Each structure stands twice: as C-alpha cells, then as structure tokens.
Amino acid sequence: MRISTVLFFAALTTVSLRSQTTPEHKEIIVVTGEWEPLVLDETDRSVNAYPVRNRVASFNSLADVIGEDSSVYVRSRGANGTQVDFSIRGASFEQTLMLLNGIRINDEQSAHYNSDFAIPLDAVDHVEVLRGAGSTLYGSDASGGVINFVTEPVADSKPLELTVRGDGGSFGTNEQSGFLSFLKGPLSERISFERDLSSGFTDDRE
C-alpha cells in the first residue's frame, strides 16, 4: 500500500507541474519580396556607379574602371587586366562576386580568373560596385561585395553607328576594338569586339 501511494502522489505531482508550465507559443511569419527597380540614390545599400560610355579611351581594361572605386583593391599580375584580383573593403578576392547584367560570371575553378571575362569595353555602359555584404541576395561569395557590369543599349537616336579604334606599342603590342549597332523599328542589335595582342618582353611571354 505504501509503494502504490508514493507512485500515486508522484504521478499527481508530474501532472501538476505540467499544468503549471508556460503554454507553447506558435507564431507564423510570412516573408514576401517584390522585385521593383529603385533609383540608385534611393537604395539603402552602398552602391557606386562608374560610367564607361564615351570614356573608353581613358581605360585599358575594365579593371581600370573598377579601380576608380577607393573601396576596391585591384591586384594585377599582368598588363591590361590580366589575372586581376578584386578585394572590396578588405575582403578576400574569393568574397567578391562578378555579375554581367545581374547574371553570375564568377569562374568555377578559381576566383583568380574572375577577371578573365570576355566583355569588350565598348559593350559596357557603366560598372556598379556594391560595397559591403551582399550574401543575403547573392550567396556566400558576395560577402565582401558585388561588381556588376551593365551593357550599353542601342541608342534610340542613331539607327546605325560604327566605331573602330586601334593602337600599338612596344613589344609588339597592338589592339583593335569597336562596335556596330543598328536600330530599325522593333529590331535592334549591338555587336562589340576587342583584340589585344603582345609578343612579350622576352620569349614565351606573349
């Protein structure tokens, strides 16, 4: 009888303690998002835009354009933007995301090759640099920042436009670039090209 009485009181104590605990609170949170373009001055992120249009002659490569941002450290291993690492606000080059019109173009093998993009200067309207963390939108490789290349649209006021440039220098350096754009009714097209060649300062260094 004593053992059964003890067990009975223990069961009553357990039930009473459960009844005294705070009831579980459940809350449903709904996260919604809406893609809506904003004026650059109205965004809550630190973004700078650097124009390229009509300034192509001032740069040798897109790396020179990015270097205008004081928050970006540009480390080049060769001339004219060859194997360039971009570091934003002290982050590593692996934490910088490269975009083309919002599309990821980071190299799959190594971030050392992120600058090896086949984008002629004549095809770019401006470069946007997002300084600071962008991982919530783009992923872990954007924790340092984002660099976005925005291509230039076909000019509405010029139905046909052709531009060709060329230069040369020491060690067999020669470069040709330009673009062709046309607009007729609802149809428009822009073709850009760039060629950069050098024989190198010594053998096997072209």
N, C-alpha and C. Protein backbone atom coordinates (compact mmCIF):
# COMPACT_ATOMS: atom_id res chain seq x y z
N MET A 1 0.83 -1.20 0.00
CA MET A 1 0.00 0.00 0.00
C MET A 1 0.87 1.26 0.00
N ARG A 2 1.95 1.27 0.73
CA ARG A 2 2.81 2.44 0.80
C ARG A 2 3.46 2.73 -0.57
N ILE A 3 3.88 1.64 -1.24
CA ILE A 3 4.54 1.84 -2.54
C ILE A 3 3.56 2.40 -3.55
N SER A 4 2.35 1.89 -3.58
CA SER A 4 1.35 2.37 -4.52
C SER A 4 0.96 3.81 -4.21
N THR A 5 0.90 4.16 -2.90
CA THR A 5 0.56 5.55 -2.52
C THR A 5 1.63 6.52 -2.99
N VAL A 6 2.90 6.15 -2.83
CA VAL A 6 4.01 7.00 -3.29
C VAL A 6 3.93 7.21 -4.79
N LEU A 7 3.70 6.15 -5.55
CA LEU A 7 3.60 6.26 -7.01
C LEU A 7 2.44 7.15 -7.41
N PHE A 8 1.33 7.04 -6.67
CA PHE A 8 0.15 7.85 -6.99
C PHE A 8 0.44 9.34 -6.79
N PHE A 9 1.08 9.69 -5.66
CA PHE A 9 1.42 11.09 -5.40
C PHE A 9 2.46 11.62 -6.39
N ALA A 10 3.40 10.75 -6.83
CA ALA A 10 4.39 11.16 -7.82
C ALA A 10 3.72 11.48 -9.15
N ALA A 11 2.74 10.67 -9.52
CA ALA A 11 2.02 10.92 -10.76
C ALA A 11 1.24 12.23 -10.68
N LEU A 12 0.61 12.50 -9.52
CA LEU A 12 -0.12 13.75 -9.36
C LEU A 12 0.81 14.95 -9.42
N THR A 13 2.02 14.81 -8.83
CA THR A 13 2.99 15.91 -8.88
C THR A 13 3.43 16.22 -10.30
N THR A 14 3.66 15.17 -11.12
CA THR A 14 4.07 15.36 -12.51
C THR A 14 2.99 16.06 -13.31
N VAL A 15 1.75 15.67 -13.11
CA VAL A 15 0.64 16.30 -13.82
C VAL A 15 0.50 17.76 -13.43
N SER A 16 0.64 18.06 -12.13
CA SER A 16 0.51 19.44 -11.68
C SER A 16 1.63 20.32 -12.21
N LEU A 17 2.87 19.78 -12.32
CA LEU A 17 3.98 20.56 -12.86
C LEU A 17 3.77 20.85 -14.34
N ARG A 18 3.25 19.88 -15.08
CA ARG A 18 3.00 20.11 -16.49
C ARG A 18 1.93 21.17 -16.71
N SER A 19 0.93 21.18 -15.83
CA SER A 19 -0.14 22.17 -15.96
C SER A 19 0.34 23.57 -15.63
N GLN A 20 1.43 23.68 -14.82
CA GLN A 20 1.93 24.99 -14.43
C GLN A 20 2.94 25.58 -15.44
N THR A 21 3.44 24.78 -16.38
CA THR A 21 4.41 25.28 -17.35
C THR A 21 3.74 26.24 -18.33
N THR A 22 4.54 27.14 -18.92
CA THR A 22 4.03 28.12 -19.86
C THR A 22 3.57 27.43 -21.14
N PRO A 23 2.39 27.71 -21.61
CA PRO A 23 1.92 27.06 -22.84
C PRO A 23 2.80 27.45 -24.03
N GLU A 24 2.97 26.54 -24.95
CA GLU A 24 3.83 26.76 -26.13
C GLU A 24 3.20 27.80 -27.04
N HIS A 25 4.04 28.77 -27.44
CA HIS A 25 3.56 29.87 -28.28
C HIS A 25 4.03 29.64 -29.71
N LYS A 26 3.08 29.60 -30.63
CA LYS A 26 3.41 29.42 -32.04
C LYS A 26 3.07 30.68 -32.80
N GLU A 27 4.02 31.09 -33.65
CA GLU A 27 3.82 32.30 -34.44
C GLU A 27 4.24 32.02 -35.88
N ILE A 28 3.40 32.36 -36.79
CA ILE A 28 3.67 32.15 -38.21
C ILE A 28 4.18 33.45 -38.82
N ILE A 29 5.35 33.38 -39.45
CA ILE A 29 5.95 34.55 -40.09
C ILE A 29 5.97 34.31 -41.59
N VAL A 30 5.42 35.23 -42.32
CA VAL A 30 5.37 35.13 -43.78
C VAL A 30 6.32 36.17 -44.35
N VAL A 31 7.30 35.71 -45.14
CA VAL A 31 8.28 36.60 -45.75
C VAL A 31 7.92 36.76 -47.22
N THR A 32 7.72 37.97 -47.63
CA THR A 32 7.38 38.25 -49.03
C THR A 32 8.41 39.21 -49.60
N GLY A 33 8.61 39.13 -50.87
CA GLY A 33 9.55 40.02 -51.55
C GLY A 33 8.98 40.49 -52.87
N GLU A 34 9.37 41.66 -53.26
CA GLU A 34 8.87 42.23 -54.51
C GLU A 34 10.02 42.89 -55.24
N TRP A 35 10.28 42.42 -56.48
CA TRP A 35 11.34 42.99 -57.29
C TRP A 35 10.82 44.27 -57.94
N GLU A 36 11.36 45.38 -57.52
CA GLU A 36 10.93 46.67 -58.04
C GLU A 36 12.15 47.56 -58.21
N PRO A 37 12.37 48.07 -59.41
CA PRO A 37 13.55 48.91 -59.63
C PRO A 37 13.49 50.19 -58.81
N LEU A 38 14.65 50.58 -58.28
CA LEU A 38 14.76 51.79 -57.48
C LEU A 38 15.82 52.71 -58.08
N VAL A 39 15.65 53.99 -57.86
CA VAL A 39 16.68 54.94 -58.24
C VAL A 39 17.90 54.71 -57.35
N LEU A 40 19.09 54.81 -57.94
CA LEU A 40 20.31 54.49 -57.21
C LEU A 40 20.43 55.30 -55.92
N ASP A 41 20.00 56.56 -55.94
CA ASP A 41 20.10 57.39 -54.74
C ASP A 41 19.13 56.99 -53.64
N GLU A 42 18.12 56.18 -54.00
CA GLU A 42 17.10 55.79 -53.01
C GLU A 42 17.37 54.43 -52.39
N THR A 43 18.35 53.71 -52.88
CA THR A 43 18.63 52.39 -52.32
C THR A 43 19.31 52.51 -50.97
N ASP A 44 19.09 51.50 -50.12
CA ASP A 44 19.67 51.53 -48.78
C ASP A 44 21.03 50.85 -48.73
N ARG A 45 21.59 50.52 -49.87
CA ARG A 45 22.90 49.88 -49.92
C ARG A 45 23.94 50.83 -50.49
N SER A 46 25.20 50.58 -50.14
CA SER A 46 26.29 51.42 -50.61
C SER A 46 26.70 50.96 -52.01
N VAL A 47 26.16 51.63 -53.01
CA VAL A 47 26.42 51.27 -54.41
C VAL A 47 26.91 52.50 -55.15
N ASN A 48 28.01 52.35 -55.87
CA ASN A 48 28.53 53.41 -56.72
C ASN A 48 28.50 52.93 -58.17
N ALA A 49 28.17 53.83 -59.07
CA ALA A 49 28.15 53.53 -60.50
C ALA A 49 29.21 54.36 -61.20
N TYR A 50 30.00 53.71 -62.06
CA TYR A 50 31.08 54.38 -62.77
C TYR A 50 30.83 54.26 -64.27
N PRO A 51 30.58 55.36 -64.95
CA PRO A 51 30.25 55.31 -66.38
C PRO A 51 31.44 54.93 -67.23
N VAL A 52 31.14 54.21 -68.30
CA VAL A 52 32.17 53.81 -69.26
C VAL A 52 31.90 54.44 -70.61
N ARG A 53 30.64 54.68 -70.91
CA ARG A 53 30.27 55.25 -72.20
C ARG A 53 30.97 56.59 -72.41
N ASN A 54 31.49 56.77 -73.62
CA ASN A 54 32.21 57.99 -74.01
C ASN A 54 33.50 58.20 -73.21
N ARG A 55 33.93 57.19 -72.46
CA ARG A 55 35.19 57.30 -71.71
C ARG A 55 36.10 56.10 -72.00
N VAL A 56 35.80 55.38 -73.06
CA VAL A 56 36.55 54.16 -73.37
C VAL A 56 38.03 54.46 -73.57
N ALA A 57 38.35 55.59 -74.18
CA ALA A 57 39.74 55.93 -74.45
C ALA A 57 40.54 56.19 -73.17
N SER A 58 39.86 56.35 -72.04
CA SER A 58 40.55 56.63 -70.77
C SER A 58 41.00 55.36 -70.06
N PHE A 59 40.56 54.19 -70.54
CA PHE A 59 40.86 52.94 -69.84
C PHE A 59 41.50 51.94 -70.79
N ASN A 60 42.34 51.09 -70.22
CA ASN A 60 42.90 49.97 -70.97
C ASN A 60 42.08 48.70 -70.80
N SER A 61 41.35 48.61 -69.70
CA SER A 61 40.55 47.42 -69.42
C SER A 61 39.48 47.79 -68.41
N LEU A 62 38.56 46.85 -68.17
CA LEU A 62 37.52 47.08 -67.17
C LEU A 62 38.09 47.14 -65.76
N ALA A 63 39.26 46.54 -65.56
CA ALA A 63 39.90 46.63 -64.25
C ALA A 63 40.25 48.07 -63.90
N ASP A 64 40.58 48.88 -64.91
CA ASP A 64 40.86 50.28 -64.66
C ASP A 64 39.61 51.03 -64.20
N VAL A 65 38.46 50.63 -64.75
CA VAL A 65 37.21 51.27 -64.34
C VAL A 65 36.90 50.93 -62.87
N ILE A 66 37.06 49.65 -62.52
CA ILE A 66 36.78 49.23 -61.15
C ILE A 66 37.74 49.90 -60.17
N GLY A 67 38.98 50.14 -60.63
CA GLY A 67 39.97 50.77 -59.77
C GLY A 67 39.64 52.19 -59.38
N GLU A 68 38.63 52.81 -60.03
CA GLU A 68 38.23 54.16 -59.65
C GLU A 68 37.54 54.19 -58.29
N ASP A 69 37.03 53.03 -57.85
CA ASP A 69 36.39 52.97 -56.53
C ASP A 69 37.47 52.82 -55.46
N SER A 70 37.48 53.74 -54.53
CA SER A 70 38.50 53.73 -53.48
C SER A 70 38.36 52.55 -52.53
N SER A 71 37.20 51.89 -52.52
CA SER A 71 36.98 50.75 -51.63
C SER A 71 37.46 49.44 -52.23
N VAL A 72 37.87 49.45 -53.50
CA VAL A 72 38.28 48.23 -54.19
C VAL A 72 39.80 48.22 -54.36
N TYR A 73 40.41 47.15 -53.88
CA TYR A 73 41.85 46.96 -54.08
C TYR A 73 42.04 46.06 -55.30
N VAL A 74 42.70 46.60 -56.33
CA VAL A 74 42.91 45.89 -57.59
C VAL A 74 44.35 45.41 -57.63
N ARG A 75 44.52 44.09 -57.68
CA ARG A 75 45.85 43.49 -57.73
C ARG A 75 46.00 42.77 -59.06
N SER A 76 46.88 43.29 -59.91
CA SER A 76 47.05 42.75 -61.25
C SER A 76 48.37 42.00 -61.36
N ARG A 77 48.33 40.88 -62.06
CA ARG A 77 49.54 40.08 -62.30
C ARG A 77 50.07 40.25 -63.72
N GLY A 78 49.46 41.13 -64.47
CA GLY A 78 49.90 41.36 -65.84
C GLY A 78 49.30 42.65 -66.37
N ALA A 79 49.62 42.96 -67.61
CA ALA A 79 49.15 44.20 -68.22
C ALA A 79 47.72 44.05 -68.73
N ASN A 80 47.05 45.19 -68.84
CA ASN A 80 45.71 45.27 -69.43
C ASN A 80 44.71 44.32 -68.77
N GLY A 81 44.75 44.26 -67.46
CA GLY A 81 43.74 43.50 -66.74
C GLY A 81 43.91 42.00 -66.76
N THR A 82 45.15 41.52 -66.93
CA THR A 82 45.40 40.08 -66.95
C THR A 82 45.49 39.53 -65.54
N GLN A 83 44.68 38.55 -65.22
CA GLN A 83 44.66 37.89 -63.91
C GLN A 83 44.65 38.93 -62.79
N VAL A 84 43.51 39.58 -62.66
CA VAL A 84 43.34 40.63 -61.65
C VAL A 84 42.46 40.10 -60.53
N ASP A 85 42.87 40.38 -59.29
CA ASP A 85 42.07 40.06 -58.11
C ASP A 85 41.42 41.35 -57.59
N PHE A 86 40.13 41.26 -57.24
CA PHE A 86 39.40 42.41 -56.73
C PHE A 86 39.02 42.15 -55.28
N SER A 87 39.41 43.05 -54.40
CA SER A 87 39.12 42.93 -52.98
C SER A 87 38.37 44.18 -52.54
N ILE A 88 37.16 44.01 -51.99
CA ILE A 88 36.32 45.12 -51.59
C ILE A 88 36.34 45.26 -50.07
N ARG A 89 36.75 46.41 -49.59
CA ARG A 89 36.77 46.74 -48.17
C ARG A 89 37.53 45.70 -47.34
N GLY A 90 38.64 45.24 -47.85
CA GLY A 90 39.49 44.33 -47.10
C GLY A 90 39.09 42.88 -47.20
N ALA A 91 37.99 42.55 -47.84
CA ALA A 91 37.60 41.15 -48.01
C ALA A 91 38.51 40.49 -49.04
N SER A 92 38.54 39.17 -49.05
CA SER A 92 39.40 38.46 -50.00
C SER A 92 38.78 38.49 -51.39
N PHE A 93 39.58 38.16 -52.39
CA PHE A 93 39.08 38.15 -53.76
C PHE A 93 38.04 37.06 -53.97
N GLU A 94 38.05 36.02 -53.13
CA GLU A 94 37.05 34.96 -53.23
C GLU A 94 35.70 35.39 -52.69
N GLN A 95 35.65 36.53 -52.02
CA GLN A 95 34.40 37.03 -51.45
C GLN A 95 33.83 38.18 -52.27
N THR A 96 34.27 38.30 -53.53
CA THR A 96 33.78 39.32 -54.44
C THR A 96 33.07 38.65 -55.60
N LEU A 97 31.82 38.98 -55.80
CA LEU A 97 31.02 38.37 -56.85
C LEU A 97 31.02 39.25 -58.09
N MET A 98 31.19 38.63 -59.26
CA MET A 98 31.17 39.35 -60.52
C MET A 98 29.86 39.02 -61.25
N LEU A 99 29.18 40.07 -61.72
CA LEU A 99 27.91 39.91 -62.42
C LEU A 99 27.96 40.63 -63.76
N LEU A 100 27.23 40.09 -64.73
CA LEU A 100 27.02 40.73 -66.02
C LEU A 100 25.51 40.90 -66.20
N ASN A 101 25.04 42.13 -66.09
CA ASN A 101 23.61 42.42 -66.13
C ASN A 101 22.85 41.58 -65.10
N GLY A 102 23.47 41.40 -63.93
CA GLY A 102 22.83 40.66 -62.86
C GLY A 102 23.02 39.16 -62.92
N ILE A 103 23.76 38.65 -63.92
CA ILE A 103 23.99 37.22 -64.08
C ILE A 103 25.39 36.88 -63.60
N ARG A 104 25.50 35.86 -62.78
CA ARG A 104 26.79 35.47 -62.19
C ARG A 104 27.77 35.00 -63.28
N ILE A 105 29.00 35.54 -63.23
CA ILE A 105 30.03 35.14 -64.18
C ILE A 105 31.32 34.76 -63.47
N ASN A 106 31.26 34.46 -62.18
CA ASN A 106 32.45 34.02 -61.46
C ASN A 106 33.01 32.75 -62.06
N ASP A 107 34.34 32.63 -62.07
CA ASP A 107 34.97 31.43 -62.59
C ASP A 107 34.73 30.26 -61.64
N GLU A 108 34.43 29.09 -62.19
CA GLU A 108 34.12 27.93 -61.37
C GLU A 108 35.36 27.30 -60.74
N GLN A 109 36.54 27.50 -61.35
CA GLN A 109 37.76 26.87 -60.84
C GLN A 109 38.39 27.67 -59.72
N SER A 110 38.66 28.94 -59.99
CA SER A 110 39.35 29.78 -59.01
C SER A 110 38.95 31.23 -59.22
N ALA A 111 38.81 31.95 -58.10
CA ALA A 111 38.47 33.37 -58.19
C ALA A 111 39.61 34.19 -58.79
N HIS A 112 40.80 33.60 -58.93
CA HIS A 112 41.91 34.31 -59.58
C HIS A 112 41.58 34.61 -61.05
N TYR A 113 40.64 33.85 -61.63
CA TYR A 113 40.30 34.02 -63.05
C TYR A 113 39.00 34.80 -63.24
N ASN A 114 38.51 35.43 -62.18
CA ASN A 114 37.25 36.17 -62.31
C ASN A 114 37.36 37.33 -63.28
N SER A 115 38.56 37.85 -63.47
CA SER A 115 38.73 38.99 -64.38
C SER A 115 38.90 38.57 -65.83
N ASP A 116 38.94 37.27 -66.09
CA ASP A 116 39.12 36.80 -67.48
C ASP A 116 37.76 36.72 -68.18
N PHE A 117 37.01 37.81 -68.14
CA PHE A 117 35.71 37.84 -68.79
C PHE A 117 35.85 38.44 -70.18
N ALA A 118 35.15 37.84 -71.11
CA ALA A 118 35.20 38.31 -72.50
C ALA A 118 34.17 39.40 -72.71
N ILE A 119 34.41 40.55 -72.09
CA ILE A 119 33.49 41.69 -72.20
C ILE A 119 34.27 42.88 -72.74
N PRO A 120 34.07 43.28 -73.98
CA PRO A 120 34.78 44.44 -74.52
C PRO A 120 34.35 45.72 -73.81
N LEU A 121 35.25 46.66 -73.74
CA LEU A 121 34.94 47.95 -73.12
C LEU A 121 33.79 48.64 -73.84
N ASP A 122 33.75 48.51 -75.16
CA ASP A 122 32.71 49.18 -75.94
C ASP A 122 31.33 48.63 -75.66
N ALA A 123 31.24 47.45 -75.06
CA ALA A 123 29.94 46.85 -74.79
C ALA A 123 29.36 47.26 -73.44
N VAL A 124 30.13 47.96 -72.61
CA VAL A 124 29.71 48.28 -71.25
C VAL A 124 29.27 49.73 -71.16
N ASP A 125 28.11 49.93 -70.54
CA ASP A 125 27.60 51.29 -70.30
C ASP A 125 28.15 51.85 -69.00
N HIS A 126 28.10 51.07 -67.92
CA HIS A 126 28.64 51.50 -66.64
C HIS A 126 28.90 50.28 -65.77
N VAL A 127 29.65 50.49 -64.71
CA VAL A 127 30.01 49.43 -63.76
C VAL A 127 29.46 49.82 -62.40
N GLU A 128 28.75 48.90 -61.77
CA GLU A 128 28.19 49.14 -60.44
C GLU A 128 28.99 48.35 -59.41
N VAL A 129 29.34 49.00 -58.33
CA VAL A 129 30.11 48.36 -57.26
C VAL A 129 29.29 48.42 -55.97
N LEU A 130 28.88 47.25 -55.48
CA LEU A 130 28.19 47.14 -54.21
C LEU A 130 29.24 46.88 -53.14
N ARG A 131 29.42 47.83 -52.25
CA ARG A 131 30.45 47.73 -51.21
C ARG A 131 29.82 47.22 -49.92
N GLY A 132 30.32 46.09 -49.45
CA GLY A 132 29.78 45.50 -48.24
C GLY A 132 29.03 44.22 -48.54
N ALA A 133 28.54 43.61 -47.49
CA ALA A 133 27.93 42.28 -47.60
C ALA A 133 26.74 42.27 -48.54
N GLY A 134 26.73 41.30 -49.43
CA GLY A 134 25.59 41.08 -50.32
C GLY A 134 25.17 39.63 -50.33
N SER A 135 25.53 38.89 -49.28
CA SER A 135 25.26 37.45 -49.24
C SER A 135 23.78 37.14 -49.18
N THR A 136 22.98 38.02 -48.59
CA THR A 136 21.56 37.74 -48.48
C THR A 136 20.88 37.68 -49.84
N LEU A 137 21.45 38.36 -50.83
CA LEU A 137 20.88 38.36 -52.17
C LEU A 137 21.59 37.41 -53.12
N TYR A 138 22.93 37.28 -52.97
CA TYR A 138 23.71 36.60 -54.00
C TYR A 138 24.43 35.34 -53.51
N GLY A 139 24.55 35.12 -52.21
CA GLY A 139 25.25 33.94 -51.74
C GLY A 139 26.54 34.28 -51.02
N SER A 140 27.24 33.24 -50.57
CA SER A 140 28.41 33.43 -49.72
C SER A 140 29.57 34.09 -50.44
N ASP A 141 29.67 33.92 -51.76
CA ASP A 141 30.79 34.53 -52.48
C ASP A 141 30.59 36.03 -52.69
N ALA A 142 29.54 36.62 -52.12
CA ALA A 142 29.33 38.06 -52.21
C ALA A 142 29.42 38.71 -50.84
N SER A 143 30.05 38.03 -49.89
CA SER A 143 30.13 38.59 -48.53
C SER A 143 31.00 39.84 -48.48
N GLY A 144 31.91 40.00 -49.42
CA GLY A 144 32.74 41.20 -49.46
C GLY A 144 32.12 42.32 -50.29
N GLY A 145 31.43 41.95 -51.36
CA GLY A 145 30.81 42.94 -52.23
C GLY A 145 30.50 42.34 -53.59
N VAL A 146 29.94 43.16 -54.45
CA VAL A 146 29.50 42.72 -55.78
C VAL A 146 29.93 43.76 -56.80
N ILE A 147 30.40 43.27 -57.96
CA ILE A 147 30.73 44.14 -59.09
C ILE A 147 29.85 43.70 -60.26
N ASN A 148 29.05 44.62 -60.77
CA ASN A 148 28.09 44.32 -61.82
C ASN A 148 28.40 45.16 -63.06
N PHE A 149 28.58 44.48 -64.20
CA PHE A 149 28.82 45.16 -65.48
C PHE A 149 27.49 45.27 -66.22
N VAL A 150 27.11 46.48 -66.56
CA VAL A 150 25.84 46.71 -67.25
C VAL A 150 26.16 47.11 -68.69
N THR A 151 25.66 46.32 -69.64
CA THR A 151 25.96 46.57 -71.04
C THR A 151 25.18 47.76 -71.57
N GLU A 152 25.70 48.33 -72.64
CA GLU A 152 25.11 49.55 -73.19
C GLU A 152 24.02 49.20 -74.18
N PRO A 153 22.84 49.79 -74.04
CA PRO A 153 21.77 49.53 -75.01
C PRO A 153 22.01 50.26 -76.31
N VAL A 154 21.25 49.88 -77.31
CA VAL A 154 21.35 50.55 -78.61
C VAL A 154 20.73 51.94 -78.49
N ALA A 155 21.45 52.92 -78.99
CA ALA A 155 20.96 54.31 -78.92
C ALA A 155 19.72 54.48 -79.78
N ASP A 156 18.68 55.08 -79.22
CA ASP A 156 17.44 55.27 -79.96
C ASP A 156 17.57 56.32 -81.05
N SER A 157 18.50 57.25 -80.87
CA SER A 157 18.61 58.37 -81.81
C SER A 157 19.50 58.06 -83.01
N LYS A 158 20.19 56.92 -83.00
CA LYS A 158 21.11 56.59 -84.08
C LYS A 158 20.72 55.24 -84.67
N PRO A 159 20.12 55.24 -85.87
CA PRO A 159 19.72 53.96 -86.47
C PRO A 159 20.91 53.09 -86.86
N LEU A 160 22.07 53.72 -87.13
CA LEU A 160 23.26 52.96 -87.49
C LEU A 160 24.48 53.68 -86.94
N GLU A 161 25.34 52.93 -86.25
CA GLU A 161 26.54 53.52 -85.64
C GLU A 161 27.68 52.51 -85.72
N LEU A 162 28.84 52.99 -86.16
CA LEU A 162 30.03 52.15 -86.27
C LEU A 162 31.23 52.91 -85.72
N THR A 163 31.98 52.27 -84.82
CA THR A 163 33.17 52.86 -84.23
C THR A 163 34.28 51.83 -84.22
N VAL A 164 35.46 52.23 -84.69
CA VAL A 164 36.63 51.34 -84.73
C VAL A 164 37.82 52.09 -84.18
N ARG A 165 38.60 51.43 -83.33
CA ARG A 165 39.80 52.03 -82.76
C ARG A 165 40.96 51.04 -82.85
N GLY A 166 42.16 51.60 -82.81
CA GLY A 166 43.35 50.76 -82.82
C GLY A 166 44.53 51.49 -82.22
N ASP A 167 45.46 50.74 -81.65
CA ASP A 167 46.67 51.35 -81.10
C ASP A 167 47.79 50.32 -81.12
N GLY A 168 48.96 50.79 -80.85
CA GLY A 168 50.13 49.91 -80.84
C GLY A 168 51.18 50.43 -79.89
N GLY A 169 52.17 49.58 -79.57
CA GLY A 169 53.22 49.97 -78.65
C GLY A 169 54.41 49.05 -78.72
N SER A 170 55.24 49.11 -77.70
CA SER A 170 56.46 48.29 -77.67
C SER A 170 56.13 46.83 -77.44
N PHE A 171 57.11 45.97 -77.69
CA PHE A 171 56.99 44.52 -77.54
C PHE A 171 55.86 43.95 -78.39
N GLY A 172 55.66 44.53 -79.55
CA GLY A 172 54.65 44.01 -80.47
C GLY A 172 53.23 44.19 -79.99
N THR A 173 53.01 45.16 -79.13
CA THR A 173 51.67 45.38 -78.60
C THR A 173 50.79 46.03 -79.66
N ASN A 174 49.62 45.45 -79.89
CA ASN A 174 48.64 46.05 -80.79
C ASN A 174 47.24 45.66 -80.33
N GLU A 175 46.33 46.60 -80.50
CA GLU A 175 44.97 46.40 -80.03
C GLU A 175 43.99 47.00 -81.02
N GLN A 176 42.91 46.28 -81.26
CA GLN A 176 41.83 46.76 -82.10
C GLN A 176 40.50 46.52 -81.37
N SER A 177 39.62 47.49 -81.44
CA SER A 177 38.33 47.36 -80.78
C SER A 177 37.32 48.23 -81.49
N GLY A 178 36.05 47.98 -81.22
CA GLY A 178 34.99 48.78 -81.81
C GLY A 178 33.64 48.11 -81.63
N PHE A 179 32.64 48.71 -82.24
CA PHE A 179 31.30 48.14 -82.16
C PHE A 179 30.48 48.60 -83.36
N LEU A 180 29.45 47.84 -83.63
CA LEU A 180 28.48 48.14 -84.67
C LEU A 180 27.09 47.97 -84.08
N SER A 181 26.26 48.98 -84.21
CA SER A 181 24.89 48.91 -83.70
C SER A 181 23.93 49.46 -84.74
N PHE A 182 22.76 48.86 -84.80
CA PHE A 182 21.74 49.34 -85.72
C PHE A 182 20.37 49.19 -85.08
N LEU A 183 19.49 50.04 -85.52
CA LEU A 183 18.12 50.08 -85.00
C LEU A 183 17.17 50.32 -86.15
N LYS A 184 16.20 49.42 -86.31
CA LYS A 184 15.19 49.55 -87.36
C LYS A 184 13.88 49.02 -86.82
N GLY A 185 12.99 49.93 -86.54
CA GLY A 185 11.69 49.53 -86.00
C GLY A 185 11.85 48.86 -84.65
N PRO A 186 11.23 47.69 -84.48
CA PRO A 186 11.34 46.99 -83.20
C PRO A 186 12.61 46.16 -83.07
N LEU A 187 13.41 46.12 -84.14
CA LEU A 187 14.62 45.31 -84.13
C LEU A 187 15.84 46.16 -83.79
N SER A 188 16.70 45.64 -82.94
CA SER A 188 17.93 46.34 -82.59
C SER A 188 19.01 45.32 -82.29
N GLU A 189 20.25 45.69 -82.55
CA GLU A 189 21.38 44.79 -82.32
C GLU A 189 22.63 45.62 -82.10
N ARG A 190 23.50 45.11 -81.25
CA ARG A 190 24.78 45.76 -80.98
C ARG A 190 25.85 44.68 -80.92
N ILE A 191 26.88 44.83 -81.74
CA ILE A 191 27.98 43.86 -81.81
C ILE A 191 29.28 44.57 -81.42
N SER A 192 29.94 44.07 -80.40
CA SER A 192 31.20 44.66 -79.94
C SER A 192 32.32 43.65 -80.07
N PHE A 193 33.52 44.13 -80.33
CA PHE A 193 34.67 43.24 -80.46
C PHE A 193 35.90 43.93 -79.88
N GLU A 194 36.86 43.12 -79.49
CA GLU A 194 38.11 43.64 -78.92
C GLU A 194 39.20 42.60 -79.12
N ARG A 195 40.38 43.06 -79.51
CA ARG A 195 41.54 42.18 -79.71
C ARG A 195 42.76 42.85 -79.12
N ASP A 196 43.48 42.12 -78.29
CA ASP A 196 44.66 42.68 -77.61
C ASP A 196 45.77 41.65 -77.70
N LEU A 197 46.90 42.03 -78.29
CA LEU A 197 47.99 41.09 -78.54
C LEU A 197 49.33 41.74 -78.24
N SER A 198 50.25 40.94 -77.69
CA SER A 198 51.61 41.40 -77.43
C SER A 198 52.56 40.21 -77.55
N SER A 199 53.75 40.47 -78.14
CA SER A 199 54.74 39.40 -78.28
C SER A 199 55.52 39.18 -76.99
N GLY A 200 55.39 40.06 -75.99
CA GLY A 200 56.06 39.89 -74.72
C GLY A 200 57.44 40.50 -74.71
N PHE A 201 57.93 40.76 -73.50
CA PHE A 201 59.25 41.39 -73.38
C PHE A 201 60.38 40.40 -73.57
N THR A 202 60.05 39.10 -73.57
CA THR A 202 61.05 38.07 -73.84
C THR A 202 60.34 36.86 -74.43
N ASP A 203 61.08 35.83 -74.77
CA ASP A 203 60.47 34.65 -75.39
C ASP A 203 59.48 33.99 -74.45
N ASP A 204 58.41 33.49 -75.02
CA ASP A 204 57.39 32.76 -74.28
C ASP A 204 56.72 33.63 -73.22
N ARG A 205 56.61 34.93 -73.48
CA ARG A 205 55.92 35.82 -72.56
C ARG A 205 54.85 36.64 -73.29
N GLU A 206 54.32 36.10 -74.36
CA GLU A 206 53.29 36.86 -75.10
C GLU A 206 51.98 36.79 -74.35
